[in-house]
Protein backbone atom coordinates (compact mmCIF):
# COMPACT_ATOMS: atom_id res chain seq x y z
CA MET A 1 10.94 -31.48 -36.89
CA GLY A 2 12.06 -28.03 -38.52
CA LYS A 3 14.86 -25.86 -36.28
CA LEU A 4 12.13 -23.73 -34.93
CA GLY A 5 10.96 -26.41 -33.47
CA VAL A 6 13.79 -27.98 -31.86
CA TYR A 7 13.72 -24.40 -30.60
CA LYS A 8 10.31 -24.74 -29.02
CA TYR A 9 10.99 -28.30 -27.99
CA ILE A 10 14.08 -26.65 -25.31
CA SER A 11 12.82 -23.48 -24.51
CA PHE A 12 10.01 -25.31 -23.49
CA MET A 13 11.36 -28.37 -21.56
CA LEU A 14 14.07 -25.77 -20.02
CA LEU A 15 11.41 -23.24 -18.77
CA LEU A 16 9.42 -26.07 -17.13
CA ILE A 17 12.89 -27.75 -15.78
CA SER A 18 13.08 -23.77 -14.27
CA THR A 19 9.90 -24.18 -12.86
CA LEU A 20 10.41 -27.31 -11.30
CA MET A 21 13.31 -26.21 -9.31
CA ALA A 22 11.70 -22.96 -8.32
CA VAL A 23 9.44 -24.43 -6.42
CA PHE A 24 11.91 -27.53 -5.16
CA THR A 25 13.29 -24.31 -3.97
CA LEU A 26 10.90 -22.41 -2.72
CA PHE A 27 9.77 -26.47 -0.71
CA GLY A 28 13.18 -26.49 1.09
CA LEU A 29 13.04 -23.14 1.85
CA PHE A 30 10.03 -23.20 3.80
CA GLY A 31 9.84 -27.00 4.20
CA GLY A 32 12.25 -26.64 7.28
CA SER A 33 9.29 -24.90 9.52
CA SER A 34 7.63 -28.81 8.47
CA ASP A 35 8.24 -30.77 11.59
CA PRO A 36 9.75 -34.54 9.97
CA ALA A 37 7.32 -36.34 11.98
CA SER A 38 4.72 -35.53 9.45
CA GLY A 39 6.32 -36.01 7.10
CA THR A 40 10.39 -36.24 5.23
CA ALA A 41 9.97 -36.29 1.90
CA ILE A 42 9.89 -32.22 1.84
CA ALA A 43 11.57 -31.98 5.10
CA MET A 44 14.62 -33.85 3.93
CA LEU A 45 14.49 -30.70 0.15
CA VAL A 46 16.33 -28.33 3.32
CA TYR A 47 20.27 -30.56 1.98
CA ALA A 48 19.84 -29.85 -1.23
CA LEU A 49 19.09 -25.91 -1.40
CA PRO A 50 23.06 -24.63 -2.20
CA TYR A 51 22.12 -27.35 -5.60
CA LEU A 52 18.83 -26.02 -6.11
CA LEU A 53 20.05 -22.10 -5.31
CA GLY A 54 22.38 -22.55 -7.34
CA GLY A 55 20.68 -24.00 -10.70
CA ASN A 56 18.07 -21.30 -9.43
CA VAL A 57 21.13 -19.18 -10.68
CA ILE A 58 22.12 -21.01 -13.76
CA MET A 59 18.48 -19.96 -15.90
CA LEU A 60 18.26 -16.95 -14.35
CA ILE A 61 21.98 -16.27 -16.14
CA TYR A 62 20.32 -18.21 -19.18
CA TRP A 63 16.92 -16.59 -19.43
CA LEU A 64 19.05 -13.43 -19.49
CA ILE A 65 20.84 -13.81 -21.83
CA ARG A 66 18.44 -15.42 -23.82
CA ARG A 67 15.99 -12.05 -22.84
CA HIS A 68 13.25 -13.42 -22.53
CA TRP A 69 12.41 -11.37 -20.03
CA GLN A 70 9.25 -13.11 -18.77
CA TRP A 71 11.09 -15.56 -17.40
CA LEU A 72 13.06 -13.79 -14.73
CA ALA A 73 10.71 -13.76 -11.88
CA ILE A 74 10.78 -18.09 -12.20
CA PRO A 75 13.54 -18.27 -10.59
CA ALA A 76 14.04 -15.03 -9.54
CA VAL A 77 11.38 -15.37 -6.34
CA PRO A 78 13.03 -18.33 -4.93
CA LEU A 79 16.57 -16.49 -4.51
CA LEU A 80 15.24 -13.87 -3.38
CA CYS A 81 13.81 -16.10 -1.13
CA GLY A 82 16.84 -17.72 -0.19
CA ILE A 83 18.64 -14.26 0.68
CA PRO A 84 18.30 -15.19 4.61
CA TYR A 85 18.83 -18.96 3.79
CA ILE A 86 23.05 -17.85 2.21
CA GLY A 87 23.39 -15.99 5.66
CA THR A 88 23.64 -18.92 7.31
CA VAL A 89 25.93 -20.76 5.94
CA TYR A 90 28.10 -17.12 4.15
CA GLN A 91 29.08 -13.81 5.21
CA PRO A 92 30.66 -11.26 3.92
CA GLY A 93 31.96 -9.59 6.83
CA LEU A 94 30.63 -5.74 5.66
CA PHE A 95 30.00 -5.05 9.94
CA ASN A 96 32.25 -7.44 11.32
CA ASP A 97 35.10 -5.18 12.96
CA GLY A 98 36.74 -7.96 15.01
CA GLU A 99 37.28 -8.86 18.72
CA THR A 100 37.72 -4.93 20.43
CA SER A 101 39.38 -4.34 23.99
CA ARG A 102 36.02 -4.53 25.68
CA SER A 103 35.40 -7.37 28.40
CA GLY A 104 34.19 -10.05 26.84
CA VAL A 105 33.75 -14.08 26.86
CA LYS A 106 34.97 -16.99 24.28
CA ILE A 107 32.84 -19.85 24.12
CA ALA A 108 33.90 -22.79 22.05
CA THR A 109 31.59 -25.77 20.81
CA TYR A 110 34.29 -28.87 19.38
CA ASN A 111 32.67 -32.38 18.81
CA VAL A 112 36.72 -34.61 19.37
CA ALA A 113 36.03 -38.00 18.36
CA MET A 114 36.45 -39.06 22.14
CA PHE A 115 39.52 -37.66 20.77
CA GLY A 116 40.36 -40.77 17.75
CA ARG A 117 40.30 -43.28 21.08
CA GLU A 118 44.36 -43.19 21.20
CA THR A 119 45.76 -44.14 24.98
CA SER A 120 48.36 -41.31 25.08
CA GLY A 121 46.72 -38.69 25.12
CA PHE A 122 48.73 -36.01 23.01
CA LYS A 123 45.15 -34.95 21.16
CA ALA A 124 43.60 -34.34 24.31
CA LEU A 125 46.55 -32.20 25.06
CA ASP A 126 47.06 -30.68 21.81
CA ILE A 127 43.33 -29.26 21.93
CA LEU A 128 43.42 -27.74 24.96
CA ALA A 129 47.19 -25.77 23.98
CA GLU A 130 44.77 -24.86 21.16
CA MET A 131 41.87 -23.58 22.79
CA LYS A 132 44.49 -22.14 25.32
CA ARG A 133 45.76 -19.87 22.15
CA GLN A 134 42.16 -19.01 21.17
CA ASN A 135 42.01 -17.47 24.97
CA VAL A 136 38.24 -19.73 25.93
CA ASP A 137 37.07 -19.68 29.16
CA ILE A 138 33.17 -22.04 28.22
CA LEU A 139 34.00 -24.85 25.99
CA CYS A 140 31.75 -26.96 25.06
CA ILE A 141 32.47 -31.03 24.32
CA GLN A 142 30.71 -34.03 22.52
CA GLU A 143 31.29 -37.27 22.19
CA TYR A 144 34.47 -36.44 25.59
CA GLU A 145 36.39 -39.77 26.78
CA ASN A 146 37.57 -38.53 29.87
CA VAL A 147 40.17 -41.70 29.96
CA SER A 148 43.02 -41.13 27.37
CA GLY A 149 45.96 -44.50 28.84
CA ASP A 150 46.54 -44.05 32.36
CA LYS A 151 45.17 -40.19 32.55
CA LEU A 152 42.08 -39.20 32.90
CA ASN A 153 42.16 -35.38 30.36
CA SER A 154 40.15 -33.62 33.53
CA ASP A 155 43.12 -33.69 35.35
CA SER A 156 45.23 -32.11 32.58
CA TYR A 157 41.97 -29.98 31.72
CA LYS A 158 41.38 -28.28 35.40
CA GLY A 159 44.34 -26.59 35.65
CA TYR A 160 43.10 -24.01 32.93
CA PHE A 161 39.48 -24.80 33.17
CA PRO A 162 39.07 -24.59 37.34
CA TYR A 163 35.53 -25.91 36.61
CA SER A 164 33.84 -28.39 35.40
CA ALA A 165 30.43 -29.81 34.64
CA THR A 166 29.24 -33.33 33.27
CA GLY A 167 26.54 -35.26 31.38
CA ARG A 168 25.87 -38.14 30.24
CA GLY A 169 28.15 -40.23 28.97
CA ASP A 170 30.91 -38.43 26.50
CA MET A 171 29.12 -34.84 27.09
CA ILE A 172 31.11 -32.23 29.08
CA ILE A 173 31.77 -28.52 29.73
CA TYR A 174 34.90 -26.55 31.36
CA SER A 175 34.37 -23.25 32.56
CA ARG A 176 37.22 -21.31 33.58
CA TYR A 177 33.94 -18.97 36.16
CA PRO A 178 32.16 -20.74 38.59
CA VAL A 179 29.56 -23.68 37.56
CA GLU A 180 26.77 -22.97 39.80
CA ARG A 181 24.56 -26.49 39.52
CA HIS A 182 23.60 -27.97 36.36
CA GLU A 183 21.43 -30.17 34.86
CA THR A 184 21.77 -33.23 32.15
CA ILE A 185 18.62 -33.87 29.84
CA ASP A 186 18.02 -37.24 28.31
CA PHE A 187 16.75 -37.82 25.67
CA GLY A 188 15.74 -41.99 26.46
CA PRO A 189 17.34 -44.78 25.25
CA THR A 190 20.10 -43.42 22.69
CA ASN A 191 23.87 -42.65 22.61
CA ASN A 192 23.33 -39.07 22.24
CA SER A 193 22.15 -36.59 25.31
CA ALA A 194 22.42 -32.50 26.20
CA MET A 195 23.15 -30.77 29.37
CA TRP A 196 23.23 -27.30 30.62
CA ALA A 197 25.11 -25.62 33.13
CA ASP A 198 24.63 -22.11 35.17
CA ILE A 199 27.46 -19.87 34.92
CA ASN A 200 28.50 -17.12 37.10
CA ILE A 201 29.84 -15.22 34.67
CA ASN A 202 31.51 -11.87 36.72
CA SER A 203 28.47 -11.92 38.89
CA ARG A 204 25.82 -12.41 36.75
CA ILE A 205 24.60 -15.70 35.80
CA VAL A 206 24.25 -17.55 31.85
CA ARG A 207 22.69 -21.20 31.43
CA VAL A 208 24.58 -22.81 28.44
CA PHE A 209 23.65 -25.68 26.80
CA ASN A 210 25.51 -28.17 25.16
CA ALA A 211 23.47 -30.03 23.09
CA HIS A 212 24.40 -33.62 21.21
CA LEU A 213 21.75 -34.25 18.05
CA GLU A 214 20.56 -37.50 17.29
CA THR A 215 23.51 -38.36 14.31
CA THR A 216 22.43 -38.72 10.23
CA GLY A 217 23.11 -42.72 10.28
CA PHE A 218 24.75 -41.93 6.96
CA ASN A 219 27.21 -44.07 8.89
CA SER A 220 26.04 -46.52 10.42
CA ALA A 221 24.32 -47.21 6.75
CA LEU A 222 27.99 -47.63 5.30
CA HIS A 223 29.33 -49.52 8.34
CA ASN A 224 27.11 -52.24 7.56
CA MET A 225 27.57 -52.16 4.12
CA ALA A 226 31.04 -52.74 5.22
CA LYS A 227 30.41 -55.23 7.11
CA ASN A 228 28.24 -57.46 5.11
CA GLU A 229 30.98 -57.21 2.71
CA LEU A 230 33.55 -58.61 5.32
CA GLN A 231 30.99 -61.39 5.86
CA GLY A 232 30.69 -61.89 2.18
CA ARG A 233 27.44 -60.78 1.32
CA SER A 234 26.57 -58.19 -0.98
CA ILE A 235 24.46 -55.98 -0.61
CA GLU A 236 22.17 -53.93 -4.14
CA ASP A 237 22.84 -50.62 -3.87
CA ASN A 238 18.31 -49.90 -4.39
CA ALA A 239 18.83 -51.64 -0.67
CA PHE A 240 21.42 -50.02 0.35
CA ILE A 241 20.07 -46.66 -1.02
CA ARG A 242 16.95 -47.92 1.48
CA LEU A 243 18.90 -48.13 3.90
CA VAL A 244 19.84 -44.49 4.08
CA TYR A 245 16.89 -43.29 3.41
CA GLY A 246 15.51 -45.07 5.75
CA ASN A 247 18.14 -44.61 8.85
CA TYR A 248 18.43 -41.26 7.47
CA THR A 249 14.63 -40.17 7.63
CA ARG A 250 14.61 -42.11 11.33
CA GLY A 251 16.94 -39.35 12.33
CA MET A 252 15.82 -36.51 10.98
CA ALA A 253 12.46 -37.44 13.48
CA VAL A 254 14.37 -38.49 16.33
CA ARG A 255 16.95 -35.54 15.99
CA ALA A 256 13.41 -33.53 16.22
CA ARG A 257 11.60 -35.01 19.23
CA GLN A 258 15.82 -33.50 20.82
CA ALA A 259 15.54 -30.30 19.85
CA ASP A 260 11.69 -29.88 20.94
CA MET A 261 12.72 -31.21 24.39
CA VAL A 262 16.00 -28.37 24.43
CA ALA A 263 13.67 -25.92 22.91
CA ASP A 264 11.64 -25.70 25.84
CA LEU A 265 14.33 -26.17 28.22
CA ILE A 266 16.18 -23.02 26.50
CA ARG A 267 12.21 -21.20 26.12
CA THR A 268 11.51 -21.14 30.37
CA SER A 269 15.18 -20.65 31.84
CA ASP A 270 15.43 -17.92 34.09
CA TYR A 271 18.58 -16.54 32.66
CA PRO A 272 19.96 -15.48 29.65
CA CYS A 273 21.54 -18.94 27.06
CA ILE A 274 23.90 -19.81 25.04
CA VAL A 275 23.18 -22.91 23.32
CA CYS A 276 25.96 -24.64 21.38
CA GLY A 277 26.97 -28.18 20.40
CA ASP A 278 27.18 -30.40 17.23
CA PHE A 279 23.37 -30.65 15.89
CA ASN A 280 23.49 -32.77 13.52
CA ASP A 281 22.27 -30.91 11.06
CA VAL A 282 21.73 -27.32 8.50
CA PRO A 283 20.78 -24.55 8.57
CA TYR A 284 17.00 -24.18 8.00
CA SER A 285 16.30 -27.12 9.19
CA TYR A 286 13.75 -28.13 11.15
CA VAL A 287 16.58 -28.95 13.88
CA TYR A 288 17.60 -25.65 13.36
CA LYS A 289 14.71 -23.27 13.01
CA THR A 290 13.42 -25.25 16.23
CA MET A 291 17.19 -24.58 18.63
CA LEU A 292 17.60 -21.04 17.54
CA GLY A 293 13.89 -19.96 18.57
CA ASP A 294 14.38 -16.05 19.48
CA LEU A 295 18.13 -16.60 20.22
CA VAL A 296 19.99 -14.92 17.68
CA ASP A 297 22.68 -17.01 15.51
CA GLY A 298 26.39 -15.79 15.96
CA PHE A 299 27.34 -16.61 12.35
CA LYS A 300 24.72 -14.74 10.62
CA GLU A 301 25.84 -11.61 13.67
CA CYS A 302 29.30 -11.52 13.60
CA GLY A 303 30.23 -14.73 10.84
CA GLU A 304 32.83 -13.84 8.33
CA GLY A 305 32.58 -15.86 4.40
CA ILE A 306 32.00 -18.97 3.97
CA MET A 307 30.96 -21.53 8.03
CA TYR A 308 31.26 -25.39 8.19
CA THR A 309 32.11 -27.36 10.66
CA TYR A 310 32.02 -31.10 10.04
CA ASN A 311 34.61 -32.37 7.25
CA GLY A 312 33.35 -35.18 6.40
CA GLY A 313 36.19 -35.38 2.75
CA ARG A 314 33.61 -34.11 0.26
CA LYS A 315 30.67 -33.81 2.77
CA LYS A 316 31.33 -29.82 4.46
CA VAL A 317 28.29 -29.10 6.24
CA ARG A 318 27.60 -26.75 9.04
CA ILE A 319 26.12 -28.47 11.61
CA ASP A 320 27.38 -27.25 14.93
CA TYR A 321 26.53 -23.97 16.20
CA ILE A 322 26.50 -20.98 18.69
CA PHE A 323 23.35 -19.20 19.83
CA HIS A 324 23.11 -16.62 22.40
CA ASP A 325 20.56 -14.99 23.80
CA PRO A 326 18.95 -11.04 22.05
CA SER A 327 20.28 -9.47 25.33
CA LEU A 328 23.94 -10.34 25.01
CA GLU A 329 26.13 -9.15 22.01
CA GLY A 330 28.62 -11.15 19.84
CA GLU A 331 32.38 -9.77 19.08
CA SER A 332 33.46 -12.45 16.61
CA TYR A 333 32.47 -15.83 15.14
CA TYR A 334 34.63 -18.30 12.91
CA THR A 335 36.49 -21.74 13.06
CA LYS A 336 39.34 -23.17 13.09
CA GLU A 337 40.75 -25.47 10.61
CA ILE A 338 42.26 -28.31 12.98
CA ASN A 339 42.78 -31.61 12.28
CA TYR A 340 42.04 -33.28 15.68
CA SER A 341 37.48 -34.65 14.86
CA ASP A 342 36.14 -35.16 12.06
CA HIS A 343 34.81 -31.54 13.28
CA PHE A 344 36.44 -28.64 13.27
CA PRO A 345 35.88 -26.96 16.53
CA VAL A 346 33.37 -22.96 15.99
CA PHE A 347 34.12 -19.86 19.20
CA MET A 348 32.87 -16.79 19.19
CA LYS A 349 33.46 -13.83 21.31
CA ILE A 350 30.35 -12.64 23.90
CA ALA A 351 30.81 -9.02 24.87
CA PHE A 352 30.18 -8.45 28.71
C-alpha cells in the first residue's frame, strides 16, 4: 500500500470514527427523553456526553485543519445540538449581576452524608455556621442524622431555624419561615425518599420539595467487591463489570419511577414550587428532565462557571439541584467547596 493508499485509509477511518461519534452524541442528547425502563443503553449515553462532545470538538478542528469542508457538518451538528446541554454544566455568567439589594430568600440543599457519623457534633455545628454565613433561610438536607453522641442536632439548629419539617428517615427541611404543613413521599422499600413542606414566606405560600433519589449502585458494587476480598474470594474483572452495570441500570430504572412520582406532585401542586435535592443523576438524563418539567433550572438562570456538586475523587458531576417555578426569579446560584461530605452544598437566592 502506497502513501496515497495509507492516507485514504486513515481518512476513511477518521471519517467513520467522526460519524459514529456524532451519532452516539445525538443519541445521548435525545436519549434523556427515553425512559430507562424501555432501554438503558441509549439512556446511559447521557453519562458519556462530556467525552463525546469533546471528541466532536477534536474532529471539527481536524477537518478544519485538513480543509475537508464537506465533512465539517458531521461534528458541527451534534455540537450545535449540544449547546443547551453545555448550559447545564457551564454558564459564562454574562448576564448574572449577582445578588441585588431586593428582598429575597436564600435556599440551600445539602447531602450531609450523616455528618460523617461523628459523635462530637462538631461537623453539624460547622455546617450550621456555614449556613449562617450564607444567610440561608430554607435548608433542605438529605442523609440527615439527628443524633450526635448525646446531643440532638435539631436542638442546635432550631436557634437559627425556628421551624422544621421532618420526612422519612434521613430527610429534613429547616426554615426561618413558618411551615404550614408537610408530607412525606414514600418510595416504598428503599432507603431513599422525598418530602414537601408548604412554607409561608411573607404571606405567600411556596411548596418546597426535598428529594433524595435512588443511588447509582456503584459504591454498593465496590463495597461488595471489598467484602469478598476480605473473605478471600476474588471477583474477576468481567464479573465486577456486570455487577456495576446491573446495579447502575437497576438504579436508573428505580430513579426514573421516583422522579415520575415527584413530578406528578409538582405538576398538581396548588402553590408555586421550589424543588431541591440530591437526584443522583446528571443533567439531561431522564430524571433531570422529568424533575425539571416546566420549572427553571436555577444554575442555567443565574449560575456561573463550571458546576459540579459531587466530589467523588475523579468523579466530579452535577447531581444536586435547585429548580423553581417560572413565577419566581433567581438572583444567584452557586456551590461552596466545603469538605464535610462527598457532596457540596448548593445555594440559590430567589427574589420575593
